[in-house]
mmCIF file of all heavy atoms, coordinates in Angstrom:
data_MODEL
# 
_entry.id   MODEL 
# 
loop_
_atom_site.group_PDB 
_atom_site.id 
_atom_site.type_symbol 
_atom_site.label_atom_id 
_atom_site.label_alt_id 
_atom_site.label_comp_id 
_atom_site.label_asym_id 
_atom_site.label_entity_id 
_atom_site.label_seq_id 
_atom_site.pdbx_PDB_ins_code 
_atom_site.Cartn_x 
_atom_site.Cartn_y 
_atom_site.Cartn_z 
_atom_site.occupancy 
_atom_site.B_iso_or_equiv 
_atom_site.pdbx_formal_charge 
_atom_site.auth_seq_id 
_atom_site.auth_comp_id 
_atom_site.auth_asym_id 
_atom_site.auth_atom_id 
_atom_site.pdbx_PDB_model_num 
ATOM 1   N N   . GLU A 1 1  ? 43.663 -151.530 -15.899 1.00 0.00 ? 1  GLU A N   1 
ATOM 2   C CA  . GLU A 1 1  ? 42.282 -151.447 -16.362 1.00 0.00 ? 1  GLU A CA  1 
ATOM 3   C C   . GLU A 1 1  ? 41.473 -150.847 -15.265 1.00 0.00 ? 1  GLU A C   1 
ATOM 4   O O   . GLU A 1 1  ? 40.418 -150.229 -15.588 1.00 0.00 ? 1  GLU A O   1 
ATOM 5   C CB  . GLU A 1 1  ? 41.793 -152.740 -16.739 1.00 0.00 ? 1  GLU A CB  1 
ATOM 6   C CG  . GLU A 1 1  ? 41.665 -153.871 -15.681 1.00 0.00 ? 1  GLU A CG  1 
ATOM 7   C CD  . GLU A 1 1  ? 42.973 -154.775 -15.539 1.00 0.00 ? 1  GLU A CD  1 
ATOM 8   O OE1 . GLU A 1 1  ? 44.028 -154.257 -16.024 1.00 0.00 ? 1  GLU A OE1 1 
ATOM 9   O OE2 . GLU A 1 1  ? 42.755 -155.849 -15.165 1.00 0.00 ? 1  GLU A OE2 1 
ATOM 10  N N   . PHE A 1 2  ? 41.707 -151.008 -14.010 1.00 0.00 ? 2  PHE A N   1 
ATOM 11  C CA  . PHE A 1 2  ? 41.087 -150.394 -12.909 1.00 0.00 ? 2  PHE A CA  1 
ATOM 12  C C   . PHE A 1 2  ? 41.114 -148.864 -12.962 1.00 0.00 ? 2  PHE A C   1 
ATOM 13  O O   . PHE A 1 2  ? 40.126 -148.209 -12.657 1.00 0.00 ? 2  PHE A O   1 
ATOM 14  C CB  . PHE A 1 2  ? 41.635 -150.964 -11.494 1.00 0.00 ? 2  PHE A CB  1 
ATOM 15  C CG  . PHE A 1 2  ? 41.739 -152.405 -11.517 1.00 0.00 ? 2  PHE A CG  1 
ATOM 16  C CD1 . PHE A 1 2  ? 42.984 -153.022 -11.267 1.00 0.00 ? 2  PHE A CD1 1 
ATOM 17  C CD2 . PHE A 1 2  ? 40.667 -153.311 -11.570 1.00 0.00 ? 2  PHE A CD2 1 
ATOM 18  C CE1 . PHE A 1 2  ? 43.085 -154.453 -11.099 1.00 0.00 ? 2  PHE A CE1 1 
ATOM 19  C CE2 . PHE A 1 2  ? 40.807 -154.596 -11.476 1.00 0.00 ? 2  PHE A CE2 1 
ATOM 20  C CZ  . PHE A 1 2  ? 42.069 -155.198 -11.238 1.00 0.00 ? 2  PHE A CZ  1 
ATOM 21  N N   . MET A 1 3  ? 42.264 -148.393 -13.430 1.00 0.00 ? 3  MET A N   1 
ATOM 22  C CA  . MET A 1 3  ? 42.343 -146.913 -13.455 1.00 0.00 ? 3  MET A CA  1 
ATOM 23  C C   . MET A 1 3  ? 41.505 -146.450 -14.697 1.00 0.00 ? 3  MET A C   1 
ATOM 24  O O   . MET A 1 3  ? 40.817 -145.411 -14.448 1.00 0.00 ? 3  MET A O   1 
ATOM 25  C CB  . MET A 1 3  ? 43.869 -146.494 -13.726 1.00 0.00 ? 3  MET A CB  1 
ATOM 26  C CG  . MET A 1 3  ? 44.116 -144.979 -13.998 1.00 0.00 ? 3  MET A CG  1 
ATOM 27  S SD  . MET A 1 3  ? 43.432 -144.069 -12.495 1.00 0.00 ? 3  MET A SD  1 
ATOM 28  C CE  . MET A 1 3  ? 44.674 -144.429 -11.357 1.00 0.00 ? 3  MET A CE  1 
ATOM 29  N N   . LEU A 1 4  ? 41.479 -147.164 -15.736 1.00 0.00 ? 4  LEU A N   1 
ATOM 30  C CA  . LEU A 1 4  ? 40.612 -146.816 -16.846 1.00 0.00 ? 4  LEU A CA  1 
ATOM 31  C C   . LEU A 1 4  ? 39.194 -146.815 -16.434 1.00 0.00 ? 4  LEU A C   1 
ATOM 32  O O   . LEU A 1 4  ? 38.412 -145.740 -16.749 1.00 0.00 ? 4  LEU A O   1 
ATOM 33  C CB  . LEU A 1 4  ? 40.732 -147.763 -18.111 1.00 0.00 ? 4  LEU A CB  1 
ATOM 34  C CG  . LEU A 1 4  ? 41.937 -147.797 -18.861 1.00 0.00 ? 4  LEU A CG  1 
ATOM 35  C CD1 . LEU A 1 4  ? 41.994 -148.839 -20.052 1.00 0.00 ? 4  LEU A CD1 1 
ATOM 36  C CD2 . LEU A 1 4  ? 42.088 -146.310 -19.430 1.00 0.00 ? 4  LEU A CD2 1 
ATOM 37  N N   . MET A 1 5  ? 38.691 -147.776 -15.708 1.00 0.00 ? 5  MET A N   1 
ATOM 38  C CA  . MET A 1 5  ? 37.326 -147.737 -15.314 1.00 0.00 ? 5  MET A CA  1 
ATOM 39  C C   . MET A 1 5  ? 37.003 -146.655 -14.324 1.00 0.00 ? 5  MET A C   1 
ATOM 40  O O   . MET A 1 5  ? 36.006 -145.997 -14.345 1.00 0.00 ? 5  MET A O   1 
ATOM 41  C CB  . MET A 1 5  ? 36.922 -149.067 -14.771 1.00 0.00 ? 5  MET A CB  1 
ATOM 42  C CG  . MET A 1 5  ? 37.096 -150.235 -15.563 1.00 0.00 ? 5  MET A CG  1 
ATOM 43  S SD  . MET A 1 5  ? 36.228 -150.159 -17.126 1.00 0.00 ? 5  MET A SD  1 
ATOM 44  C CE  . MET A 1 5  ? 34.569 -150.009 -16.538 1.00 0.00 ? 5  MET A CE  1 
ATOM 45  N N   . SER A 1 6  ? 37.972 -146.267 -13.521 1.00 0.00 ? 6  SER A N   1 
ATOM 46  C CA  . SER A 1 6  ? 37.739 -145.320 -12.456 1.00 0.00 ? 6  SER A CA  1 
ATOM 47  C C   . SER A 1 6  ? 37.642 -143.920 -13.106 1.00 0.00 ? 6  SER A C   1 
ATOM 48  O O   . SER A 1 6  ? 36.730 -143.135 -12.678 1.00 0.00 ? 6  SER A O   1 
ATOM 49  C CB  . SER A 1 6  ? 38.914 -145.290 -11.360 1.00 0.00 ? 6  SER A CB  1 
ATOM 50  O OG  . SER A 1 6  ? 38.920 -146.474 -10.711 1.00 0.00 ? 6  SER A OG  1 
ATOM 51  N N   . VAL A 1 7  ? 38.474 -143.714 -14.070 1.00 0.00 ? 7  VAL A N   1 
ATOM 52  C CA  . VAL A 1 7  ? 38.542 -142.444 -14.815 1.00 0.00 ? 7  VAL A CA  1 
ATOM 53  C C   . VAL A 1 7  ? 37.132 -142.280 -15.520 1.00 0.00 ? 7  VAL A C   1 
ATOM 54  O O   . VAL A 1 7  ? 36.547 -141.179 -15.562 1.00 0.00 ? 7  VAL A O   1 
ATOM 55  C CB  . VAL A 1 7  ? 39.692 -142.331 -15.845 1.00 0.00 ? 7  VAL A CB  1 
ATOM 56  C CG1 . VAL A 1 7  ? 39.499 -141.036 -16.748 1.00 0.00 ? 7  VAL A CG1 1 
ATOM 57  C CG2 . VAL A 1 7  ? 41.010 -142.194 -14.982 1.00 0.00 ? 7  VAL A CG2 1 
ATOM 58  N N   . ALA A 1 8  ? 36.752 -143.335 -16.207 1.00 0.00 ? 8  ALA A N   1 
ATOM 59  C CA  . ALA A 1 8  ? 35.415 -143.347 -16.950 1.00 0.00 ? 8  ALA A CA  1 
ATOM 60  C C   . ALA A 1 8  ? 34.291 -143.029 -16.058 1.00 0.00 ? 8  ALA A C   1 
ATOM 61  O O   . ALA A 1 8  ? 33.438 -142.108 -16.430 1.00 0.00 ? 8  ALA A O   1 
ATOM 62  C CB  . ALA A 1 8  ? 35.255 -144.566 -17.779 1.00 0.00 ? 8  ALA A CB  1 
ATOM 63  N N   . ALA A 1 9  ? 34.314 -143.718 -14.949 1.00 0.00 ? 9  ALA A N   1 
ATOM 64  C CA  . ALA A 1 9  ? 33.146 -143.508 -13.966 1.00 0.00 ? 9  ALA A CA  1 
ATOM 65  C C   . ALA A 1 9  ? 33.199 -142.198 -13.362 1.00 0.00 ? 9  ALA A C   1 
ATOM 66  O O   . ALA A 1 9  ? 32.053 -141.485 -13.306 1.00 0.00 ? 9  ALA A O   1 
ATOM 67  C CB  . ALA A 1 9  ? 33.122 -144.577 -12.886 1.00 0.00 ? 9  ALA A CB  1 
ATOM 68  N N   . VAL A 1 10 ? 34.179 -141.724 -12.905 1.00 0.00 ? 10 VAL A N   1 
ATOM 69  C CA  . VAL A 1 10 ? 34.332 -140.282 -12.362 1.00 0.00 ? 10 VAL A CA  1 
ATOM 70  C C   . VAL A 1 10 ? 33.956 -139.295 -13.369 1.00 0.00 ? 10 VAL A C   1 
ATOM 71  O O   . VAL A 1 10 ? 33.213 -138.353 -13.058 1.00 0.00 ? 10 VAL A O   1 
ATOM 72  C CB  . VAL A 1 10 ? 35.711 -140.046 -11.741 1.00 0.00 ? 10 VAL A CB  1 
ATOM 73  C CG1 . VAL A 1 10 ? 35.939 -138.600 -11.345 1.00 0.00 ? 10 VAL A CG1 1 
ATOM 74  C CG2 . VAL A 1 10 ? 36.010 -140.805 -10.510 1.00 0.00 ? 10 VAL A CG2 1 
ATOM 75  N N   . GLY A 1 11 ? 34.367 -139.560 -14.596 1.00 0.00 ? 11 GLY A N   1 
ATOM 76  C CA  . GLY A 1 11 ? 33.918 -138.567 -15.645 1.00 0.00 ? 11 GLY A CA  1 
ATOM 77  C C   . GLY A 1 11 ? 32.517 -138.548 -15.863 1.00 0.00 ? 11 GLY A C   1 
ATOM 78  O O   . GLY A 1 11 ? 31.849 -137.436 -16.217 1.00 0.00 ? 11 GLY A O   1 
ATOM 79  N N   . ALA A 1 12 ? 31.815 -139.629 -15.961 1.00 0.00 ? 12 ALA A N   1 
ATOM 80  C CA  . ALA A 1 12 ? 30.417 -139.827 -16.097 1.00 0.00 ? 12 ALA A CA  1 
ATOM 81  C C   . ALA A 1 12 ? 29.743 -139.136 -14.913 1.00 0.00 ? 12 ALA A C   1 
ATOM 82  O O   . ALA A 1 12 ? 28.601 -138.412 -15.154 1.00 0.00 ? 12 ALA A O   1 
ATOM 83  C CB  . ALA A 1 12 ? 30.009 -141.345 -16.109 1.00 0.00 ? 12 ALA A CB  1 
ATOM 84  N N   . LEU A 1 13 ? 30.190 -139.270 -13.686 1.00 0.00 ? 13 LEU A N   1 
ATOM 85  C CA  . LEU A 1 13 ? 29.613 -138.498 -12.530 1.00 0.00 ? 13 LEU A CA  1 
ATOM 86  C C   . LEU A 1 13 ? 29.692 -137.021 -12.806 1.00 0.00 ? 13 LEU A C   1 
ATOM 87  O O   . LEU A 1 13 ? 28.814 -136.259 -12.569 1.00 0.00 ? 13 LEU A O   1 
ATOM 88  C CB  . LEU A 1 13 ? 30.322 -138.925 -11.298 1.00 0.00 ? 13 LEU A CB  1 
ATOM 89  C CG  . LEU A 1 13 ? 29.991 -140.377 -10.706 1.00 0.00 ? 13 LEU A CG  1 
ATOM 90  C CD1 . LEU A 1 13 ? 30.953 -140.666 -9.560  1.00 0.00 ? 13 LEU A CD1 1 
ATOM 91  C CD2 . LEU A 1 13 ? 28.508 -140.501 -10.445 1.00 0.00 ? 13 LEU A CD2 1 
ATOM 92  N N   . TYR A 1 14 ? 30.880 -136.629 -13.364 1.00 0.00 ? 14 TYR A N   1 
ATOM 93  C CA  . TYR A 1 14 ? 31.011 -135.145 -13.566 1.00 0.00 ? 14 TYR A CA  1 
ATOM 94  C C   . TYR A 1 14 ? 30.074 -134.631 -14.621 1.00 0.00 ? 14 TYR A C   1 
ATOM 95  O O   . TYR A 1 14 ? 29.568 -133.500 -14.347 1.00 0.00 ? 14 TYR A O   1 
ATOM 96  C CB  . TYR A 1 14 ? 32.554 -134.852 -14.041 1.00 0.00 ? 14 TYR A CB  1 
ATOM 97  C CG  . TYR A 1 14 ? 32.830 -133.533 -14.473 1.00 0.00 ? 14 TYR A CG  1 
ATOM 98  C CD1 . TYR A 1 14 ? 33.001 -132.485 -13.675 1.00 0.00 ? 14 TYR A CD1 1 
ATOM 99  C CD2 . TYR A 1 14 ? 32.803 -133.340 -15.960 1.00 0.00 ? 14 TYR A CD2 1 
ATOM 100 C CE1 . TYR A 1 14 ? 33.249 -131.224 -14.175 1.00 0.00 ? 14 TYR A CE1 1 
ATOM 101 C CE2 . TYR A 1 14 ? 33.099 -132.058 -16.386 1.00 0.00 ? 14 TYR A CE2 1 
ATOM 102 C CZ  . TYR A 1 14 ? 33.213 -131.056 -15.520 1.00 0.00 ? 14 TYR A CZ  1 
ATOM 103 O OH  . TYR A 1 14 ? 33.514 -129.749 -15.989 1.00 0.00 ? 14 TYR A OH  1 
ATOM 104 N N   . LEU A 1 15 ? 29.778 -135.474 -15.446 1.00 0.00 ? 15 LEU A N   1 
ATOM 105 C CA  . LEU A 1 15 ? 28.850 -135.085 -16.672 1.00 0.00 ? 15 LEU A CA  1 
ATOM 106 C C   . LEU A 1 15 ? 27.363 -135.098 -16.196 1.00 0.00 ? 15 LEU A C   1 
ATOM 107 O O   . LEU A 1 15 ? 26.457 -134.785 -16.935 1.00 0.00 ? 15 LEU A O   1 
ATOM 108 C CB  . LEU A 1 15 ? 29.041 -135.840 -17.881 1.00 0.00 ? 15 LEU A CB  1 
ATOM 109 C CG  . LEU A 1 15 ? 30.321 -135.643 -18.623 1.00 0.00 ? 15 LEU A CG  1 
ATOM 110 C CD1 . LEU A 1 15 ? 30.392 -136.678 -19.802 1.00 0.00 ? 15 LEU A CD1 1 
ATOM 111 C CD2 . LEU A 1 15 ? 30.427 -134.135 -19.175 1.00 0.00 ? 15 LEU A CD2 1 
ATOM 112 N N   . GLY A 1 16 ? 27.103 -135.656 -15.053 1.00 0.00 ? 16 GLY A N   1 
ATOM 113 C CA  . GLY A 1 16 ? 25.857 -135.862 -14.490 1.00 0.00 ? 16 GLY A CA  1 
ATOM 114 C C   . GLY A 1 16 ? 25.094 -137.144 -14.959 1.00 0.00 ? 16 GLY A C   1 
ATOM 115 O O   . GLY A 1 16 ? 23.966 -137.437 -14.872 1.00 0.00 ? 16 GLY A O   1 
ATOM 116 N N   . GLU A 1 17 ? 25.874 -138.050 -15.568 1.00 0.00 ? 17 GLU A N   1 
ATOM 117 C CA  . GLU A 1 17 ? 25.482 -139.380 -16.138 1.00 0.00 ? 17 GLU A CA  1 
ATOM 118 C C   . GLU A 1 17 ? 25.506 -140.409 -14.961 1.00 0.00 ? 17 GLU A C   1 
ATOM 119 O O   . GLU A 1 17 ? 26.349 -141.378 -15.125 1.00 0.00 ? 17 GLU A O   1 
ATOM 120 C CB  . GLU A 1 17 ? 26.284 -139.853 -17.313 1.00 0.00 ? 17 GLU A CB  1 
ATOM 121 C CG  . GLU A 1 17 ? 26.355 -138.873 -18.506 1.00 0.00 ? 17 GLU A CG  1 
ATOM 122 C CD  . GLU A 1 17 ? 25.026 -138.869 -19.302 1.00 0.00 ? 17 GLU A CD  1 
ATOM 123 O OE1 . GLU A 1 17 ? 24.223 -139.698 -19.037 1.00 0.00 ? 17 GLU A OE1 1 
ATOM 124 O OE2 . GLU A 1 17 ? 24.962 -138.016 -20.198 1.00 0.00 ? 17 GLU A OE2 1 
ATOM 125 N N   . TYR A 1 18 ? 24.680 -140.138 -13.993 1.00 0.00 ? 18 TYR A N   1 
ATOM 126 C CA  . TYR A 1 18 ? 24.795 -141.027 -12.713 1.00 0.00 ? 18 TYR A CA  1 
ATOM 127 C C   . TYR A 1 18 ? 24.443 -142.399 -13.012 1.00 0.00 ? 18 TYR A C   1 
ATOM 128 O O   . TYR A 1 18 ? 25.152 -143.363 -12.496 1.00 0.00 ? 18 TYR A O   1 
ATOM 129 C CB  . TYR A 1 18 ? 23.947 -140.434 -11.623 1.00 0.00 ? 18 TYR A CB  1 
ATOM 130 C CG  . TYR A 1 18 ? 24.210 -138.942 -11.352 1.00 0.00 ? 18 TYR A CG  1 
ATOM 131 C CD1 . TYR A 1 18 ? 23.088 -138.065 -11.158 1.00 0.00 ? 18 TYR A CD1 1 
ATOM 132 C CD2 . TYR A 1 18 ? 25.433 -138.387 -11.326 1.00 0.00 ? 18 TYR A CD2 1 
ATOM 133 C CE1 . TYR A 1 18 ? 23.329 -136.766 -10.947 1.00 0.00 ? 18 TYR A CE1 1 
ATOM 134 C CE2 . TYR A 1 18 ? 25.739 -137.088 -11.120 1.00 0.00 ? 18 TYR A CE2 1 
ATOM 135 C CZ  . TYR A 1 18 ? 24.608 -136.230 -10.895 1.00 0.00 ? 18 TYR A CZ  1 
ATOM 136 O OH  . TYR A 1 18 ? 24.772 -134.947 -10.669 1.00 0.00 ? 18 TYR A OH  1 
ATOM 137 N N   . PRO A 1 19 ? 23.397 -142.829 -13.661 1.00 0.00 ? 19 PRO A N   1 
ATOM 138 C CA  . PRO A 1 19 ? 23.000 -144.142 -13.941 1.00 0.00 ? 19 PRO A CA  1 
ATOM 139 C C   . PRO A 1 19 ? 24.211 -144.864 -14.783 1.00 0.00 ? 19 PRO A C   1 
ATOM 140 O O   . PRO A 1 19 ? 24.576 -146.003 -14.436 1.00 0.00 ? 19 PRO A O   1 
ATOM 141 C CB  . PRO A 1 19 ? 21.799 -144.116 -14.840 1.00 0.00 ? 19 PRO A CB  1 
ATOM 142 C CG  . PRO A 1 19 ? 21.203 -142.686 -14.512 1.00 0.00 ? 19 PRO A CG  1 
ATOM 143 C CD  . PRO A 1 19 ? 22.376 -141.879 -14.319 1.00 0.00 ? 19 PRO A CD  1 
ATOM 144 N N   . GLU A 1 20 ? 24.840 -144.093 -15.801 1.00 0.00 ? 20 GLU A N   1 
ATOM 145 C CA  . GLU A 1 20 ? 25.895 -144.771 -16.487 1.00 0.00 ? 20 GLU A CA  1 
ATOM 146 C C   . GLU A 1 20 ? 26.990 -145.062 -15.632 1.00 0.00 ? 20 GLU A C   1 
ATOM 147 O O   . GLU A 1 20 ? 27.696 -146.127 -15.778 1.00 0.00 ? 20 GLU A O   1 
ATOM 148 C CB  . GLU A 1 20 ? 26.197 -143.936 -17.706 1.00 0.00 ? 20 GLU A CB  1 
ATOM 149 C CG  . GLU A 1 20 ? 25.118 -143.890 -18.799 1.00 0.00 ? 20 GLU A CG  1 
ATOM 150 C CD  . GLU A 1 20 ? 24.069 -142.912 -18.632 1.00 0.00 ? 20 GLU A CD  1 
ATOM 151 O OE1 . GLU A 1 20 ? 23.993 -142.442 -17.487 1.00 0.00 ? 20 GLU A OE1 1 
ATOM 152 O OE2 . GLU A 1 20 ? 23.360 -142.475 -19.566 1.00 0.00 ? 20 GLU A OE2 1 
ATOM 153 N N   . ALA A 1 21 ? 27.389 -144.127 -14.775 1.00 0.00 ? 21 ALA A N   1 
ATOM 154 C CA  . ALA A 1 21 ? 28.593 -144.215 -13.950 1.00 0.00 ? 21 ALA A CA  1 
ATOM 155 C C   . ALA A 1 21 ? 28.431 -145.513 -13.013 1.00 0.00 ? 21 ALA A C   1 
ATOM 156 O O   . ALA A 1 21 ? 29.267 -146.274 -12.798 1.00 0.00 ? 21 ALA A O   1 
ATOM 157 C CB  . ALA A 1 21 ? 28.842 -143.003 -13.057 1.00 0.00 ? 21 ALA A CB  1 
ATOM 158 N N   . THR A 1 22 ? 27.187 -145.545 -12.409 1.00 0.00 ? 22 THR A N   1 
ATOM 159 C CA  . THR A 1 22 ? 26.997 -146.725 -11.477 1.00 0.00 ? 22 THR A CA  1 
ATOM 160 C C   . THR A 1 22 ? 26.902 -148.084 -12.295 1.00 0.00 ? 22 THR A C   1 
ATOM 161 O O   . THR A 1 22 ? 27.490 -148.970 -11.932 1.00 0.00 ? 22 THR A O   1 
ATOM 162 C CB  . THR A 1 22 ? 25.569 -146.481 -10.798 1.00 0.00 ? 22 THR A CB  1 
ATOM 163 O OG1 . THR A 1 22 ? 25.574 -145.224 -10.189 1.00 0.00 ? 22 THR A OG1 1 
ATOM 164 C CG2 . THR A 1 22 ? 25.334 -147.601 -9.867  1.00 0.00 ? 22 THR A CG2 1 
ATOM 165 N N   . ALA A 1 23 ? 26.296 -148.129 -13.541 1.00 0.00 ? 23 ALA A N   1 
ATOM 166 C CA  . ALA A 1 23 ? 26.161 -149.236 -14.350 1.00 0.00 ? 23 ALA A CA  1 
ATOM 167 C C   . ALA A 1 23 ? 27.623 -149.739 -14.770 1.00 0.00 ? 23 ALA A C   1 
ATOM 168 O O   . ALA A 1 23 ? 27.921 -150.911 -14.718 1.00 0.00 ? 23 ALA A O   1 
ATOM 169 C CB  . ALA A 1 23 ? 25.312 -148.957 -15.467 1.00 0.00 ? 23 ALA A CB  1 
ATOM 170 N N   . VAL A 1 24 ? 28.406 -148.661 -15.059 1.00 0.00 ? 24 VAL A N   1 
ATOM 171 C CA  . VAL A 1 24 ? 29.809 -149.011 -15.503 1.00 0.00 ? 24 VAL A CA  1 
ATOM 172 C C   . VAL A 1 24 ? 30.506 -149.945 -14.402 1.00 0.00 ? 24 VAL A C   1 
ATOM 173 O O   . VAL A 1 24 ? 31.075 -151.036 -14.674 1.00 0.00 ? 24 VAL A O   1 
ATOM 174 C CB  . VAL A 1 24 ? 30.561 -147.831 -15.843 1.00 0.00 ? 24 VAL A CB  1 
ATOM 175 C CG1 . VAL A 1 24 ? 32.053 -148.124 -15.786 1.00 0.00 ? 24 VAL A CG1 1 
ATOM 176 C CG2 . VAL A 1 24 ? 30.139 -147.251 -17.261 1.00 0.00 ? 24 VAL A CG2 1 
ATOM 177 N N   . MET A 1 25 ? 30.445 -149.397 -13.255 1.00 0.00 ? 25 MET A N   1 
ATOM 178 C CA  . MET A 1 25 ? 31.173 -150.011 -12.076 1.00 0.00 ? 25 MET A CA  1 
ATOM 179 C C   . MET A 1 25 ? 30.442 -151.339 -11.719 1.00 0.00 ? 25 MET A C   1 
ATOM 180 O O   . MET A 1 25 ? 31.088 -152.330 -11.339 1.00 0.00 ? 25 MET A O   1 
ATOM 181 C CB  . MET A 1 25 ? 31.216 -149.075 -10.869 1.00 0.00 ? 25 MET A CB  1 
ATOM 182 C CG  . MET A 1 25 ? 32.221 -147.874 -11.090 1.00 0.00 ? 25 MET A CG  1 
ATOM 183 S SD  . MET A 1 25 ? 33.863 -148.654 -11.334 1.00 0.00 ? 25 MET A SD  1 
ATOM 184 C CE  . MET A 1 25 ? 34.920 -147.296 -11.148 1.00 0.00 ? 25 MET A CE  1 
ATOM 185 N N   . LEU A 1 26 ? 29.059 -151.415 -11.650 1.00 0.00 ? 26 LEU A N   1 
ATOM 186 C CA  . LEU A 1 26 ? 28.311 -152.481 -11.227 1.00 0.00 ? 26 LEU A CA  1 
ATOM 187 C C   . LEU A 1 26 ? 28.620 -153.727 -12.250 1.00 0.00 ? 26 LEU A C   1 
ATOM 188 O O   . LEU A 1 26 ? 28.950 -154.767 -11.813 1.00 0.00 ? 26 LEU A O   1 
ATOM 189 C CB  . LEU A 1 26 ? 26.733 -152.302 -11.250 1.00 0.00 ? 26 LEU A CB  1 
ATOM 190 C CG  . LEU A 1 26 ? 25.937 -153.369 -10.895 1.00 0.00 ? 26 LEU A CG  1 
ATOM 191 C CD1 . LEU A 1 26 ? 26.201 -153.958 -9.509  1.00 0.00 ? 26 LEU A CD1 1 
ATOM 192 C CD2 . LEU A 1 26 ? 24.419 -153.068 -11.041 1.00 0.00 ? 26 LEU A CD2 1 
ATOM 193 N N   . LEU A 1 27 ? 28.563 -153.499 -13.528 1.00 0.00 ? 27 LEU A N   1 
ATOM 194 C CA  . LEU A 1 27 ? 28.764 -154.562 -14.550 1.00 0.00 ? 27 LEU A CA  1 
ATOM 195 C C   . LEU A 1 27 ? 30.237 -154.930 -14.510 1.00 0.00 ? 27 LEU A C   1 
ATOM 196 O O   . LEU A 1 27 ? 30.522 -156.181 -14.509 1.00 0.00 ? 27 LEU A O   1 
ATOM 197 C CB  . LEU A 1 27 ? 28.300 -154.063 -15.930 1.00 0.00 ? 27 LEU A CB  1 
ATOM 198 C CG  . LEU A 1 27 ? 26.883 -153.906 -16.095 1.00 0.00 ? 27 LEU A CG  1 
ATOM 199 C CD1 . LEU A 1 27 ? 26.526 -153.302 -17.430 1.00 0.00 ? 27 LEU A CD1 1 
ATOM 200 C CD2 . LEU A 1 27 ? 26.058 -155.215 -15.947 1.00 0.00 ? 27 LEU A CD2 1 
ATOM 201 N N   . TYR A 1 28 ? 31.128 -154.071 -14.317 1.00 0.00 ? 28 TYR A N   1 
ATOM 202 C CA  . TYR A 1 28 ? 32.550 -154.187 -14.322 1.00 0.00 ? 28 TYR A CA  1 
ATOM 203 C C   . TYR A 1 28 ? 32.957 -155.106 -13.025 1.00 0.00 ? 28 TYR A C   1 
ATOM 204 O O   . TYR A 1 28 ? 33.656 -156.090 -13.139 1.00 0.00 ? 28 TYR A O   1 
ATOM 205 C CB  . TYR A 1 28 ? 33.313 -153.123 -14.310 1.00 0.00 ? 28 TYR A CB  1 
ATOM 206 C CG  . TYR A 1 28 ? 34.833 -153.267 -14.434 1.00 0.00 ? 28 TYR A CG  1 
ATOM 207 C CD1 . TYR A 1 28 ? 35.561 -153.789 -15.608 1.00 0.00 ? 28 TYR A CD1 1 
ATOM 208 C CD2 . TYR A 1 28 ? 35.633 -153.137 -13.195 1.00 0.00 ? 28 TYR A CD2 1 
ATOM 209 C CE1 . TYR A 1 28 ? 36.666 -153.946 -15.612 1.00 0.00 ? 28 TYR A CE1 1 
ATOM 210 C CE2 . TYR A 1 28 ? 36.970 -153.382 -13.242 1.00 0.00 ? 28 TYR A CE2 1 
ATOM 211 C CZ  . TYR A 1 28 ? 37.590 -153.878 -14.538 1.00 0.00 ? 28 TYR A CZ  1 
ATOM 212 O OH  . TYR A 1 28 ? 38.980 -154.087 -14.570 1.00 0.00 ? 28 TYR A OH  1 
ATOM 213 N N   . TYR A 1 29 ? 32.249 -154.759 -11.923 1.00 0.00 ? 29 TYR A N   1 
ATOM 214 C CA  . TYR A 1 29 ? 32.545 -155.479 -10.665 1.00 0.00 ? 29 TYR A CA  1 
ATOM 215 C C   . TYR A 1 29 ? 32.065 -156.905 -10.825 1.00 0.00 ? 29 TYR A C   1 
ATOM 216 O O   . TYR A 1 29 ? 32.735 -157.857 -10.289 1.00 0.00 ? 29 TYR A O   1 
ATOM 217 C CB  . TYR A 1 29 ? 31.838 -154.835 -9.574  1.00 0.00 ? 29 TYR A CB  1 
ATOM 218 C CG  . TYR A 1 29 ? 32.033 -155.170 -8.139  1.00 0.00 ? 29 TYR A CG  1 
ATOM 219 C CD1 . TYR A 1 29 ? 33.179 -154.940 -7.457  1.00 0.00 ? 29 TYR A CD1 1 
ATOM 220 C CD2 . TYR A 1 29 ? 31.161 -156.239 -7.476  1.00 0.00 ? 29 TYR A CD2 1 
ATOM 221 C CE1 . TYR A 1 29 ? 33.519 -155.336 -6.144  1.00 0.00 ? 29 TYR A CE1 1 
ATOM 222 C CE2 . TYR A 1 29 ? 31.474 -156.707 -6.338  1.00 0.00 ? 29 TYR A CE2 1 
ATOM 223 C CZ  . TYR A 1 29 ? 32.547 -156.212 -5.629  1.00 0.00 ? 29 TYR A CZ  1 
ATOM 224 O OH  . TYR A 1 29 ? 32.798 -156.897 -4.392  1.00 0.00 ? 29 TYR A OH  1 
ATOM 225 N N   . ILE A 1 30 ? 30.841 -157.099 -11.362 1.00 0.00 ? 30 ILE A N   1 
ATOM 226 C CA  . ILE A 1 30 ? 30.326 -158.442 -11.486 1.00 0.00 ? 30 ILE A CA  1 
ATOM 227 C C   . ILE A 1 30 ? 31.169 -159.279 -12.594 1.00 0.00 ? 30 ILE A C   1 
ATOM 228 O O   . ILE A 1 30 ? 31.582 -160.431 -12.277 1.00 0.00 ? 30 ILE A O   1 
ATOM 229 C CB  . ILE A 1 30 ? 28.790 -158.372 -12.180 1.00 0.00 ? 30 ILE A CB  1 
ATOM 230 C CG1 . ILE A 1 30 ? 27.931 -157.690 -11.094 1.00 0.00 ? 30 ILE A CG1 1 
ATOM 231 C CG2 . ILE A 1 30 ? 28.309 -159.743 -12.528 1.00 0.00 ? 30 ILE A CG2 1 
ATOM 232 C CD1 . ILE A 1 30 ? 26.498 -157.631 -11.506 1.00 0.00 ? 30 ILE A CD1 1 
# 
């Protein structure tokens, strides 16, 4: 599941969806 989250976050950064990428990791980390 860590790989799934990492791929999703990096993809969001690639698309310029910086807030979403950060929120994905922040909420998942919590």
